[in-house]
Amino acid sequence: MADWDIWTVIAVLGVATASTRSALWMVGHRVTIPRRVQEMLRFAPACALAAIVAPDFMLGPQGDIQLAVTNPKLLAGIVALAYYLWRRNMLQTIVVGMLVFTVLRVSDVFHNGL
């Protein structure tokens, strides 16, 4: 790939990013979003986070789905979810989840090579 190709791609991506973001900023005050859509958009960050995190919990090293109890990521996620439902503290949940995952991984309880 030539240098001008790379710079052309960077420029096109910059224009595309700027135009899509500035369009909403420039005409956003003229658009009225229905209340029901606004309520649904409140859940968008949580859904996006779940879509990012859930595959990491469930996929094995070869990309296959592992829903067995021998999956340390899934177990750590379940323990972290239970801890969050009990304590409602995000920082402690992260620490507990990582601690459980680290203990399961270091102790090599399930010998699955994750």
PDB file of N, CA and C in Angstrom:
ATOM      1  N   MET A   1       0.851  -1.171   0.000  1.00  0.00           N
ATOM      2  CA  MET A   1       0.000   0.000   0.000  1.00  0.00           C
ATOM      3  C   MET A   1       0.895   1.232   0.000  1.00  0.00           C
ATOM      4  N   ALA A   2       0.607   2.141  -0.886  1.00  0.00           N
ATOM      5  CA  ALA A   2       1.417   3.346  -1.008  1.00  0.00           C
ATOM      6  C   ALA A   2       1.083   4.329   0.113  1.00  0.00           C
ATOM      7  N   ASP A   3       2.009   5.287   0.301  1.00  0.00           N
ATOM      8  CA  ASP A   3       1.801   6.281   1.361  1.00  0.00           C
ATOM      9  C   ASP A   3       0.550   7.116   1.124  1.00  0.00           C
ATOM     10  N   TRP A   4       0.312   7.477  -0.146  1.00  0.00           N
ATOM     11  CA  TRP A   4      -0.862   8.315  -0.416  1.00  0.00           C
ATOM     12  C   TRP A   4      -2.155   7.563  -0.146  1.00  0.00           C
ATOM     13  N   ASP A   5      -2.136   6.223  -0.303  1.00  0.00           N
ATOM     14  CA  ASP A   5      -3.325   5.426   0.031  1.00  0.00           C
ATOM     15  C   ASP A   5      -3.636   5.525   1.520  1.00  0.00           C
ATOM     16  N   ILE A   6      -2.591   5.421   2.320  1.00  0.00           N
ATOM     17  CA  ILE A   6      -2.783   5.490   3.776  1.00  0.00           C
ATOM     18  C   ILE A   6      -3.310   6.861   4.179  1.00  0.00           C
ATOM     19  N   TRP A   7      -2.709   7.910   3.617  1.00  0.00           N
ATOM     20  CA  TRP A   7      -3.164   9.259   3.960  1.00  0.00           C
ATOM     21  C   TRP A   7      -4.573   9.531   3.457  1.00  0.00           C
ATOM     22  N   THR A   8      -4.916   8.968   2.295  1.00  0.00           N
ATOM     23  CA  THR A   8      -6.279   9.115   1.779  1.00  0.00           C
ATOM     24  C   THR A   8      -7.284   8.438   2.705  1.00  0.00           C
ATOM     25  N   VAL A   9      -6.940   7.243   3.163  1.00  0.00           N
ATOM     26  CA  VAL A   9      -7.835   6.522   4.082  1.00  0.00           C
ATOM     27  C   VAL A   9      -7.989   7.301   5.385  1.00  0.00           C
ATOM     28  N   ILE A  10      -6.877   7.832   5.911  1.00  0.00           N
ATOM     29  CA  ILE A  10      -6.946   8.615   7.152  1.00  0.00           C
ATOM     30  C   ILE A  10      -7.810   9.853   6.953  1.00  0.00           C
ATOM     31  N   ALA A  11      -7.644  10.525   5.827  1.00  0.00           N
ATOM     32  CA  ALA A  11      -8.438  11.731   5.570  1.00  0.00           C
ATOM     33  C   ALA A  11      -9.921  11.407   5.410  1.00  0.00           C
ATOM     34  N   VAL A  12     -10.231  10.349   4.679  1.00  0.00           N
ATOM     35  CA  VAL A  12     -11.640   9.973   4.489  1.00  0.00           C
ATOM     36  C   VAL A  12     -12.271   9.575   5.823  1.00  0.00           C
ATOM     37  N   LEU A  13     -11.533   8.818   6.623  1.00  0.00           N
ATOM     38  CA  LEU A  13     -12.064   8.429   7.929  1.00  0.00           C
ATOM     39  C   LEU A  13     -12.243   9.647   8.826  1.00  0.00           C
ATOM     40  N   GLY A  14     -11.331  10.603   8.749  1.00  0.00           N
ATOM     41  CA  GLY A  14     -11.476  11.830   9.535  1.00  0.00           C
ATOM     42  C   GLY A  14     -12.692  12.629   9.127  1.00  0.00           C
ATOM     43  N   VAL A  15     -12.921  12.752   7.823  1.00  0.00           N
ATOM     44  CA  VAL A  15     -14.101  13.475   7.338  1.00  0.00           C
ATOM     45  C   VAL A  15     -15.374  12.730   7.731  1.00  0.00           C
ATOM     46  N   ALA A  16     -15.361  11.419   7.588  1.00  0.00           N
ATOM     47  CA  ALA A  16     -16.552  10.635   7.950  1.00  0.00           C
ATOM     48  C   ALA A  16     -16.857  10.762   9.444  1.00  0.00           C
ATOM     49  N   THR A  17     -15.831  10.703  10.273  1.00  0.00           N
ATOM     50  CA  THR A  17     -16.047  10.827  11.715  1.00  0.00           C
ATOM     51  C   THR A  17     -16.544  12.224  12.074  1.00  0.00           C
ATOM     52  N   ALA A  18     -15.902  13.240  11.529  1.00  0.00           N
ATOM     53  CA  ALA A  18     -16.295  14.614  11.846  1.00  0.00           C
ATOM     54  C   ALA A  18     -17.708  14.912  11.354  1.00  0.00           C
ATOM     55  N   SER A  19     -18.053  14.431  10.165  1.00  0.00           N
ATOM     56  CA  SER A  19     -19.380  14.740   9.629  1.00  0.00           C
ATOM     57  C   SER A  19     -20.482  14.034  10.411  1.00  0.00           C
ATOM     58  N   THR A  20     -20.260  12.787  10.793  1.00  0.00           N
ATOM     59  CA  THR A  20     -21.309  12.083  11.539  1.00  0.00           C
ATOM     60  C   THR A  20     -21.489  12.665  12.932  1.00  0.00           C
ATOM     61  N   ARG A  21     -20.410  13.056  13.565  1.00  0.00           N
ATOM     62  CA  ARG A  21     -20.535  13.616  14.920  1.00  0.00           C
ATOM     63  C   ARG A  21     -21.015  15.059  14.896  1.00  0.00           C
ATOM     64  N   SER A  22     -20.575  15.832  13.945  1.00  0.00           N
ATOM     65  CA  SER A  22     -20.992  17.236  13.924  1.00  0.00           C
ATOM     66  C   SER A  22     -22.420  17.380  13.422  1.00  0.00           C
ATOM     67  N   ALA A  23     -22.891  16.452  12.605  1.00  0.00           N
ATOM     68  CA  ALA A  23     -24.264  16.546  12.108  1.00  0.00           C
ATOM     69  C   ALA A  23     -25.252  16.481  13.262  1.00  0.00           C
ATOM     70  N   LEU A  24     -25.057  15.566  14.176  1.00  0.00           N
ATOM     71  CA  LEU A  24     -25.958  15.478  15.328  1.00  0.00           C
ATOM     72  C   LEU A  24     -25.805  16.688  16.235  1.00  0.00           C
ATOM     73  N   TRP A  25     -24.572  17.188  16.351  1.00  0.00           N
ATOM     74  CA  TRP A  25     -24.341  18.363  17.189  1.00  0.00           C
ATOM     75  C   TRP A  25     -24.986  19.611  16.581  1.00  0.00           C
ATOM     76  N   MET A  26     -24.944  19.729  15.234  1.00  0.00           N
ATOM     77  CA  MET A  26     -25.457  20.917  14.571  1.00  0.00           C
ATOM     78  C   MET A  26     -26.988  20.937  14.475  1.00  0.00           C
ATOM     79  N   VAL A  27     -27.619  19.785  14.271  1.00  0.00           N
ATOM     80  CA  VAL A  27     -29.074  19.757  14.128  1.00  0.00           C
ATOM     81  C   VAL A  27     -29.746  19.027  15.280  1.00  0.00           C
ATOM     82  N   GLY A  28     -28.984  18.631  16.264  1.00  0.00           N
ATOM     83  CA  GLY A  28     -29.535  17.855  17.371  1.00  0.00           C
ATOM     84  C   GLY A  28     -30.579  18.602  18.163  1.00  0.00           C
ATOM     85  N   HIS A  29     -30.451  19.916  18.305  1.00  0.00           N
ATOM     86  CA  HIS A  29     -31.423  20.683  19.075  1.00  0.00           C
ATOM     87  C   HIS A  29     -32.754  20.829  18.345  1.00  0.00           C
ATOM     88  N   ARG A  30     -32.752  20.563  17.024  1.00  0.00           N
ATOM     89  CA  ARG A  30     -33.989  20.662  16.242  1.00  0.00           C
ATOM     90  C   ARG A  30     -34.751  19.342  16.203  1.00  0.00           C
ATOM     91  N   VAL A  31     -34.104  18.284  16.608  1.00  0.00           N
ATOM     92  CA  VAL A  31     -34.722  16.965  16.567  1.00  0.00           C
ATOM     93  C   VAL A  31     -35.305  16.650  17.940  1.00  0.00           C
ATOM     94  N   THR A  32     -36.544  16.259  17.932  1.00  0.00           N
ATOM     95  CA  THR A  32     -37.197  15.867  19.177  1.00  0.00           C
ATOM     96  C   THR A  32     -37.249  14.349  19.242  1.00  0.00           C
ATOM     97  N   ILE A  33     -36.617  13.819  20.254  1.00  0.00           N
ATOM     98  CA  ILE A  33     -36.609  12.371  20.433  1.00  0.00           C
ATOM     99  C   ILE A  33     -37.792  12.014  21.329  1.00  0.00           C
ATOM    100  N   PRO A  34     -38.621  11.070  20.878  1.00  0.00           N
ATOM    101  CA  PRO A  34     -39.763  10.680  21.705  1.00  0.00           C
ATOM    102  C   PRO A  34     -39.321  10.159  23.075  1.00  0.00           C
ATOM    103  N   ARG A  35     -40.177  10.356  24.053  1.00  0.00           N
ATOM    104  CA  ARG A  35     -39.855   9.979  25.432  1.00  0.00           C
ATOM    105  C   ARG A  35     -39.555   8.485  25.551  1.00  0.00           C
ATOM    106  N   ARG A  36     -40.295   7.668  24.828  1.00  0.00           N
ATOM    107  CA  ARG A  36     -40.080   6.215  24.899  1.00  0.00           C
ATOM    108  C   ARG A  36     -38.690   5.854  24.368  1.00  0.00           C
ATOM    109  N   VAL A  37     -38.256   6.524  23.293  1.00  0.00           N
ATOM    110  CA  VAL A  37     -36.914   6.266  22.742  1.00  0.00           C
ATOM    111  C   VAL A  37     -35.849   6.732  23.732  1.00  0.00           C
ATOM    112  N   GLN A  38     -36.094   7.870  24.384  1.00  0.00           N
ATOM    113  CA  GLN A  38     -35.143   8.346  25.392  1.00  0.00           C
ATOM    114  C   GLN A  38     -35.017   7.355  26.539  1.00  0.00           C
ATOM    115  N   GLU A  39     -36.129   6.776  26.948  1.00  0.00           N
ATOM    116  CA  GLU A  39     -36.083   5.778  28.021  1.00  0.00           C
ATOM    117  C   GLU A  39     -35.309   4.540  27.584  1.00  0.00           C
ATOM    118  N   MET A  40     -35.497   4.141  26.318  1.00  0.00           N
ATOM    119  CA  MET A  40     -34.771   2.969  25.826  1.00  0.00           C
ATOM    120  C   MET A  40     -33.279   3.266  25.690  1.00  0.00           C
ATOM    121  N   LEU A  41     -32.930   4.498  25.332  1.00  0.00           N
ATOM    122  CA  LEU A  41     -31.511   4.850  25.178  1.00  0.00           C
ATOM    123  C   LEU A  41     -30.768   4.849  26.508  1.00  0.00           C
ATOM    124  N   ARG A  42     -31.486   4.928  27.617  1.00  0.00           N
ATOM    125  CA  ARG A  42     -30.823   4.867  28.925  1.00  0.00           C
ATOM    126  C   ARG A  42     -30.121   3.533  29.121  1.00  0.00           C
ATOM    127  N   PHE A  43     -30.621   2.481  28.485  1.00  0.00           N
ATOM    128  CA  PHE A  43     -30.056   1.153  28.659  1.00  0.00           C
ATOM    129  C   PHE A  43     -28.975   0.829  27.626  1.00  0.00           C
ATOM    130  N   ALA A  44     -28.723   1.726  26.705  1.00  0.00           N
ATOM    131  CA  ALA A  44     -27.741   1.456  25.643  1.00  0.00           C
ATOM    132  C   ALA A  44     -26.330   1.215  26.188  1.00  0.00           C
ATOM    133  N   PRO A  45     -25.820   2.018  27.138  1.00  0.00           N
ATOM    134  CA  PRO A  45     -24.470   1.726  27.639  1.00  0.00           C
ATOM    135  C   PRO A  45     -24.366   0.366  28.307  1.00  0.00           C
ATOM    136  N   ALA A  46     -25.379  -0.020  29.086  1.00  0.00           N
ATOM    137  CA  ALA A  46     -25.339  -1.331  29.751  1.00  0.00           C
ATOM    138  C   ALA A  46     -25.388  -2.455  28.726  1.00  0.00           C
ATOM    139  N   CYS A  47     -26.183  -2.281  27.686  1.00  0.00           N
ATOM    140  CA  CYS A  47     -26.262  -3.303  26.635  1.00  0.00           C
ATOM    141  C   CYS A  47     -24.947  -3.410  25.873  1.00  0.00           C
ATOM    142  N   ALA A  48     -24.333  -2.263  25.600  1.00  0.00           N
ATOM    143  CA  ALA A  48     -23.051  -2.285  24.889  1.00  0.00           C
ATOM    144  C   ALA A  48     -21.987  -2.953  25.732  1.00  0.00           C
ATOM    145  N   LEU A  49     -21.976  -2.668  27.025  1.00  0.00           N
ATOM    146  CA  LEU A  49     -20.996  -3.296  27.916  1.00  0.00           C
ATOM    147  C   LEU A  49     -21.218  -4.800  27.993  1.00  0.00           C
ATOM    148  N   ALA A  50     -22.469  -5.221  28.086  1.00  0.00           N
ATOM    149  CA  ALA A  50     -22.764  -6.654  28.122  1.00  0.00           C
ATOM    150  C   ALA A  50     -22.342  -7.334  26.821  1.00  0.00           C
ATOM    151  N   ALA A  51     -22.542  -6.651  25.697  1.00  0.00           N
ATOM    152  CA  ALA A  51     -22.150  -7.228  24.408  1.00  0.00           C
ATOM    153  C   ALA A  51     -20.640  -7.362  24.284  1.00  0.00           C
ATOM    154  N   ILE A  52     -19.915  -6.506  24.974  1.00  0.00           N
ATOM    155  CA  ILE A  52     -18.453  -6.593  24.936  1.00  0.00           C
ATOM    156  C   ILE A  52     -17.950  -7.665  25.896  1.00  0.00           C
ATOM    157  N   VAL A  53     -18.539  -7.727  27.094  1.00  0.00           N
ATOM    158  CA  VAL A  53     -18.016  -8.593  28.148  1.00  0.00           C
ATOM    159  C   VAL A  53     -18.508 -10.031  28.017  1.00  0.00           C
ATOM    160  N   ALA A  54     -19.754 -10.230  27.662  1.00  0.00           N
ATOM    161  CA  ALA A  54     -20.342 -11.573  27.650  1.00  0.00           C
ATOM    162  C   ALA A  54     -19.585 -12.565  26.762  1.00  0.00           C
ATOM    163  N   PRO A  55     -19.181 -12.212  25.554  1.00  0.00           N
ATOM    164  CA  PRO A  55     -18.430 -13.198  24.771  1.00  0.00           C
ATOM    165  C   PRO A  55     -17.121 -13.620  25.414  1.00  0.00           C
ATOM    166  N   ASP A  56     -16.485 -12.713  26.153  1.00  0.00           N
ATOM    167  CA  ASP A  56     -15.233 -13.079  26.801  1.00  0.00           C
ATOM    168  C   ASP A  56     -15.468 -14.083  27.920  1.00  0.00           C
ATOM    169  N   PHE A  57     -16.614 -14.008  28.577  1.00  0.00           N
ATOM    170  CA  PHE A  57     -16.927 -14.974  29.626  1.00  0.00           C
ATOM    171  C   PHE A  57     -17.209 -16.354  29.058  1.00  0.00           C
ATOM    172  N   MET A  58     -17.812 -16.406  27.886  1.00  0.00           N
ATOM    173  CA  MET A  58     -18.348 -17.663  27.379  1.00  0.00           C
ATOM    174  C   MET A  58     -17.484 -18.352  26.336  1.00  0.00           C
ATOM    175  N   LEU A  59     -16.531 -17.639  25.744  1.00  0.00           N
ATOM    176  CA  LEU A  59     -15.734 -18.262  24.683  1.00  0.00           C
ATOM    177  C   LEU A  59     -14.462 -18.864  25.254  1.00  0.00           C
ATOM    178  N   GLY A  60     -14.133 -20.055  24.751  1.00  0.00           N
ATOM    179  CA  GLY A  60     -12.918 -20.733  25.148  1.00  0.00           C
ATOM    180  C   GLY A  60     -11.746 -20.292  24.298  1.00  0.00           C
ATOM    181  N   PRO A  61     -10.577 -20.910  24.510  1.00  0.00           N
ATOM    182  CA  PRO A  61      -9.378 -20.515  23.773  1.00  0.00           C
ATOM    183  C   PRO A  61      -9.477 -20.746  22.264  1.00  0.00           C
ATOM    184  N   GLN A  62     -10.284 -21.716  21.840  1.00  0.00           N
ATOM    185  CA  GLN A  62     -10.440 -21.995  20.413  1.00  0.00           C
ATOM    186  C   GLN A  62     -11.654 -21.283  19.823  1.00  0.00           C
ATOM    187  N   GLY A  63     -12.312 -20.426  20.586  1.00  0.00           N
ATOM    188  CA  GLY A  63     -13.458 -19.701  20.092  1.00  0.00           C
ATOM    189  C   GLY A  63     -14.766 -20.440  20.227  1.00  0.00           C
ATOM    190  N   ASP A  64     -14.747 -21.589  20.885  1.00  0.00           N
ATOM    191  CA  ASP A  64     -15.969 -22.347  21.094  1.00  0.00           C
ATOM    192  C   ASP A  64     -16.668 -21.873  22.367  1.00  0.00           C
ATOM    193  N   ILE A  65     -17.971 -22.079  22.421  1.00  0.00           N
ATOM    194  CA  ILE A  65     -18.755 -21.637  23.577  1.00  0.00           C
ATOM    195  C   ILE A  65     -18.579 -22.641  24.708  1.00  0.00           C
ATOM    196  N   GLN A  66     -18.193 -22.111  25.892  1.00  0.00           N
ATOM    197  CA  GLN A  66     -17.991 -22.963  27.063  1.00  0.00           C
ATOM    198  C   GLN A  66     -18.897 -22.476  28.183  1.00  0.00           C
ATOM    199  N   LEU A  67     -19.988 -23.164  28.379  1.00  0.00           N
ATOM    200  CA  LEU A  67     -20.913 -22.813  29.449  1.00  0.00           C
ATOM    201  C   LEU A  67     -20.810 -23.760  30.630  1.00  0.00           C
ATOM    202  N   ALA A  68     -19.776 -24.592  30.673  1.00  0.00           N
ATOM    203  CA  ALA A  68     -19.593 -25.553  31.759  1.00  0.00           C
ATOM    204  C   ALA A  68     -19.024 -24.863  32.991  1.00  0.00           C
ATOM    205  N   VAL A  69     -19.133 -25.519  34.115  1.00  0.00           N
ATOM    206  CA  VAL A  69     -18.611 -24.952  35.366  1.00  0.00           C
ATOM    207  C   VAL A  69     -17.088 -24.992  35.405  1.00  0.00           C
ATOM    208  N   THR A  70     -16.461 -25.599  34.420  1.00  0.00           N
ATOM    209  CA  THR A  70     -15.000 -25.637  34.370  1.00  0.00           C
ATOM    210  C   THR A  70     -14.411 -24.399  33.709  1.00  0.00           C
ATOM    211  N   ASN A  71     -15.252 -23.452  33.309  1.00  0.00           N
ATOM    212  CA  ASN A  71     -14.787 -22.216  32.697  1.00  0.00           C
ATOM    213  C   ASN A  71     -14.535 -21.190  33.805  1.00  0.00           C
ATOM    214  N   PRO A  72     -13.269 -20.885  34.119  1.00  0.00           N
ATOM    215  CA  PRO A  72     -12.993 -19.966  35.232  1.00  0.00           C
ATOM    216  C   PRO A  72     -13.492 -18.548  34.986  1.00  0.00           C
ATOM    217  N   LYS A  73     -13.527 -18.110  33.740  1.00  0.00           N
ATOM    218  CA  LYS A  73     -14.051 -16.766  33.448  1.00  0.00           C
ATOM    219  C   LYS A  73     -15.535 -16.690  33.777  1.00  0.00           C
ATOM    220  N   LEU A  74     -16.266 -17.714  33.382  1.00  0.00           N
ATOM    221  CA  LEU A  74     -17.698 -17.739  33.647  1.00  0.00           C
ATOM    222  C   LEU A  74     -17.969 -17.818  35.149  1.00  0.00           C
ATOM    223  N   LEU A  75     -17.194 -18.643  35.849  1.00  0.00           N
ATOM    224  CA  LEU A  75     -17.375 -18.746  37.300  1.00  0.00           C
ATOM    225  C   LEU A  75     -17.069 -17.423  37.983  1.00  0.00           C
ATOM    226  N   ALA A  76     -15.984 -16.779  37.578  1.00  0.00           N
ATOM    227  CA  ALA A  76     -15.631 -15.488  38.175  1.00  0.00           C
ATOM    228  C   ALA A  76     -16.702 -14.448  37.877  1.00  0.00           C
ATOM    229  N   GLY A  77     -17.275 -14.480  36.683  1.00  0.00           N
ATOM    230  CA  GLY A  77     -18.344 -13.557  36.333  1.00  0.00           C
ATOM    231  C   GLY A  77     -19.599 -13.798  37.159  1.00  0.00           C
ATOM    232  N   ILE A  78     -19.922 -15.067  37.379  1.00  0.00           N
ATOM    233  CA  ILE A  78     -21.101 -15.389  38.194  1.00  0.00           C
ATOM    234  C   ILE A  78     -20.890 -14.961  39.641  1.00  0.00           C
ATOM    235  N   VAL A  79     -19.687 -15.213  40.160  1.00  0.00           N
ATOM    236  CA  VAL A  79     -19.384 -14.788  41.534  1.00  0.00           C
ATOM    237  C   VAL A  79     -19.427 -13.261  41.624  1.00  0.00           C
ATOM    238  N   ALA A  80     -18.884 -12.572  40.634  1.00  0.00           N
ATOM    239  CA  ALA A  80     -18.893 -11.106  40.647  1.00  0.00           C
ATOM    240  C   ALA A  80     -20.330 -10.576  40.564  1.00  0.00           C
ATOM    241  N   LEU A  81     -21.161 -11.204  39.743  1.00  0.00           N
ATOM    242  CA  LEU A  81     -22.561 -10.782  39.654  1.00  0.00           C
ATOM    243  C   LEU A  81     -23.278 -10.986  40.986  1.00  0.00           C
ATOM    244  N   ALA A  82     -23.052 -12.142  41.604  1.00  0.00           N
ATOM    245  CA  ALA A  82     -23.669 -12.406  42.911  1.00  0.00           C
ATOM    246  C   ALA A  82     -23.185 -11.403  43.952  1.00  0.00           C
ATOM    247  N   TYR A  83     -21.894 -11.094  43.918  1.00  0.00           N
ATOM    248  CA  TYR A  83     -21.361 -10.120  44.878  1.00  0.00           C
ATOM    249  C   TYR A  83     -21.970  -8.742  44.638  1.00  0.00           C
ATOM    250  N   TYR A  84     -22.110  -8.374  43.379  1.00  0.00           N
ATOM    251  CA  TYR A  84     -22.706  -7.064  43.088  1.00  0.00           C
ATOM    252  C   TYR A  84     -24.154  -7.002  43.567  1.00  0.00           C
ATOM    253  N   LEU A  85     -24.911  -8.060  43.330  1.00  0.00           N
ATOM    254  CA  LEU A  85     -26.305  -8.068  43.779  1.00  0.00           C
ATOM    255  C   LEU A  85     -26.399  -8.008  45.298  1.00  0.00           C
ATOM    256  N   TRP A  86     -25.383  -8.527  45.982  1.00  0.00           N
ATOM    257  CA  TRP A  86     -25.385  -8.523  47.447  1.00  0.00           C
ATOM    258  C   TRP A  86     -24.942  -7.173  47.994  1.00  0.00           C
ATOM    259  N   ARG A  87     -23.857  -6.618  47.462  1.00  0.00           N
ATOM    260  CA  ARG A  87     -23.256  -5.423  48.052  1.00  0.00           C
ATOM    261  C   ARG A  87     -23.550  -4.125  47.295  1.00  0.00           C
ATOM    262  N   ARG A  88     -23.834  -4.204  45.993  1.00  0.00           N
ATOM    263  CA  ARG A  88     -24.103  -3.009  45.161  1.00  0.00           C
ATOM    264  C   ARG A  88     -22.931  -2.037  45.149  1.00  0.00           C
ATOM    265  N   ASN A  89     -21.720  -2.561  45.083  1.00  0.00           N
ATOM    266  CA  ASN A  89     -20.520  -1.730  45.041  1.00  0.00           C
ATOM    267  C   ASN A  89     -19.680  -2.171  43.850  1.00  0.00           C
ATOM    268  N   MET A  90     -19.525  -1.285  42.871  1.00  0.00           N
ATOM    269  CA  MET A  90     -18.876  -1.659  41.616  1.00  0.00           C
ATOM    270  C   MET A  90     -17.390  -1.954  41.796  1.00  0.00           C
ATOM    271  N   LEU A  91     -16.677  -1.127  42.551  1.00  0.00           N
ATOM    272  CA  LEU A  91     -15.239  -1.334  42.727  1.00  0.00           C
ATOM    273  C   LEU A  91     -14.958  -2.656  43.444  1.00  0.00           C
ATOM    274  N   GLN A  92     -15.705  -2.939  44.493  1.00  0.00           N
ATOM    275  CA  GLN A  92     -15.518  -4.206  45.200  1.00  0.00           C
ATOM    276  C   GLN A  92     -15.878  -5.389  44.299  1.00  0.00           C
ATOM    277  N   THR A  93     -16.875  -5.217  43.446  1.00  0.00           N
ATOM    278  CA  THR A  93     -17.258  -6.290  42.523  1.00  0.00           C
ATOM    279  C   THR A  93     -16.132  -6.609  41.554  1.00  0.00           C
ATOM    280  N   ILE A  94     -15.497  -5.569  41.043  1.00  0.00           N
ATOM    281  CA  ILE A  94     -14.378  -5.790  40.116  1.00  0.00           C
ATOM    282  C   ILE A  94     -13.238  -6.510  40.824  1.00  0.00           C
ATOM    283  N   VAL A  95     -12.934  -6.073  42.042  1.00  0.00           N
ATOM    284  CA  VAL A  95     -11.845  -6.690  42.797  1.00  0.00           C
ATOM    285  C   VAL A  95     -12.174  -8.155  43.104  1.00  0.00           C
ATOM    286  N   VAL A  96     -13.397  -8.424  43.543  1.00  0.00           N
ATOM    287  CA  VAL A  96     -13.781  -9.799  43.867  1.00  0.00           C
ATOM    288  C   VAL A  96     -13.756 -10.676  42.618  1.00  0.00           C
ATOM    289  N   GLY A  97     -14.288 -10.183  41.519  1.00  0.00           N
ATOM    290  CA  GLY A  97     -14.282 -10.956  40.282  1.00  0.00           C
ATOM    291  C   GLY A  97     -12.873 -11.274  39.808  1.00  0.00           C
ATOM    292  N   MET A  98     -11.997 -10.283  39.843  1.00  0.00           N
ATOM    293  CA  MET A  98     -10.615 -10.515  39.417  1.00  0.00           C
ATOM    294  C   MET A  98      -9.893 -11.438  40.388  1.00  0.00           C
ATOM    295  N   LEU A  99     -10.189 -11.303  41.677  1.00  0.00           N
ATOM    296  CA  LEU A  99      -9.559 -12.175  42.676  1.00  0.00           C
ATOM    297  C   LEU A  99      -9.985 -13.628  42.469  1.00  0.00           C
ATOM    298  N   VAL A 100     -11.262 -13.861  42.241  1.00  0.00           N
ATOM    299  CA  VAL A 100     -11.744 -15.229  42.003  1.00  0.00           C
ATOM    300  C   VAL A 100     -11.136 -15.790  40.727  1.00  0.00           C
ATOM    301  N   PHE A 101     -11.123 -14.989  39.678  1.00  0.00           N
ATOM    302  CA  PHE A 101     -10.547 -15.466  38.416  1.00  0.00           C
ATOM    303  C   PHE A 101      -9.062 -15.767  38.568  1.00  0.00           C
ATOM    304  N   THR A 102      -8.339 -14.895  39.274  1.00  0.00           N
ATOM    305  CA  THR A 102      -6.901 -15.116  39.457  1.00  0.00           C
ATOM    306  C   THR A 102      -6.634 -16.370  40.280  1.00  0.00           C
ATOM    307  N   VAL A 103      -7.401 -16.566  41.331  1.00  0.00           N
ATOM    308  CA  VAL A 103      -7.216 -17.769  42.159  1.00  0.00           C
ATOM    309  C   VAL A 103      -7.505 -19.024  41.343  1.00  0.00           C
ATOM    310  N   LEU A 104      -8.591 -19.009  40.566  1.00  0.00           N
ATOM    311  CA  LEU A 104      -8.920 -20.185  39.749  1.00  0.00           C
ATOM    312  C   LEU A 104      -7.863 -20.433  38.686  1.00  0.00           C
ATOM    313  N   ARG A 105      -7.358 -19.355  38.114  1.00  0.00           N
ATOM    314  CA  ARG A 105      -6.367 -19.509  37.047  1.00  0.00           C
ATOM    315  C   ARG A 105      -5.002 -19.923  37.592  1.00  0.00           C
ATOM    316  N   VAL A 106      -4.554 -19.305  38.673  1.00  0.00           N
ATOM    317  CA  VAL A 106      -3.234 -19.618  39.233  1.00  0.00           C
ATOM    318  C   VAL A 106      -3.231 -21.021  39.827  1.00  0.00           C
ATOM    319  N   SER A 107      -4.304 -21.377  40.502  1.00  0.00           N
ATOM    320  CA  SER A 107      -4.347 -22.711  41.100  1.00  0.00           C
ATOM    321  C   SER A 107      -4.569 -23.784  40.048  1.00  0.00           C
ATOM    322  N   ASP A 108      -4.936 -23.375  38.830  1.00  0.00           N
ATOM    323  CA  ASP A 108      -5.115 -24.296  37.702  1.00  0.00           C
ATOM    324  C   ASP A 108      -6.064 -25.436  38.078  1.00  0.00           C
ATOM    325  N   VAL A 109      -7.186 -25.046  38.651  1.00  0.00           N
ATOM    326  CA  VAL A 109      -8.168 -26.009  39.136  1.00  0.00           C
ATOM    327  C   VAL A 109      -8.730 -26.846  37.990  1.00  0.00           C
ATOM    328  N   PHE A 110      -9.002 -26.208  36.878  1.00  0.00           N
ATOM    329  CA  PHE A 110      -9.710 -26.920  35.814  1.00  0.00           C
ATOM    330  C   PHE A 110      -8.808 -27.371  34.669  1.00  0.00           C
ATOM    331  N   HIS A 111      -7.551 -26.989  34.664  1.00  0.00           N
ATOM    332  CA  HIS A 111      -6.576 -27.436  33.656  1.00  0.00           C
ATOM    333  C   HIS A 111      -7.049 -27.223  32.229  1.00  0.00           C
ATOM    334  N   ASN A 112      -7.666 -26.081  31.955  1.00  0.00           N
ATOM    335  CA  ASN A 112      -8.144 -25.860  30.585  1.00  0.00           C
ATOM    336  C   ASN A 112      -7.315 -24.854  29.813  1.00  0.00           C
ATOM    337  N   GLY A 113      -6.240 -24.355  30.354  1.00  0.00           N
ATOM    338  CA  GLY A 113      -5.313 -23.532  29.602  1.00  0.00           C
ATOM    339  C   GLY A 113      -5.767 -22.132  29.286  1.00  0.00           C
ATOM    340  N   LEU A 114      -6.711 -21.570  30.033  1.00  0.00           N
ATOM    341  CA  LEU A 114      -7.140 -20.191  29.792  1.00  0.00           C
ATOM    342  C   LEU A 114      -6.153 -19.212  30.347  1.00  0.00           C
TER     343      LEU A 114
END
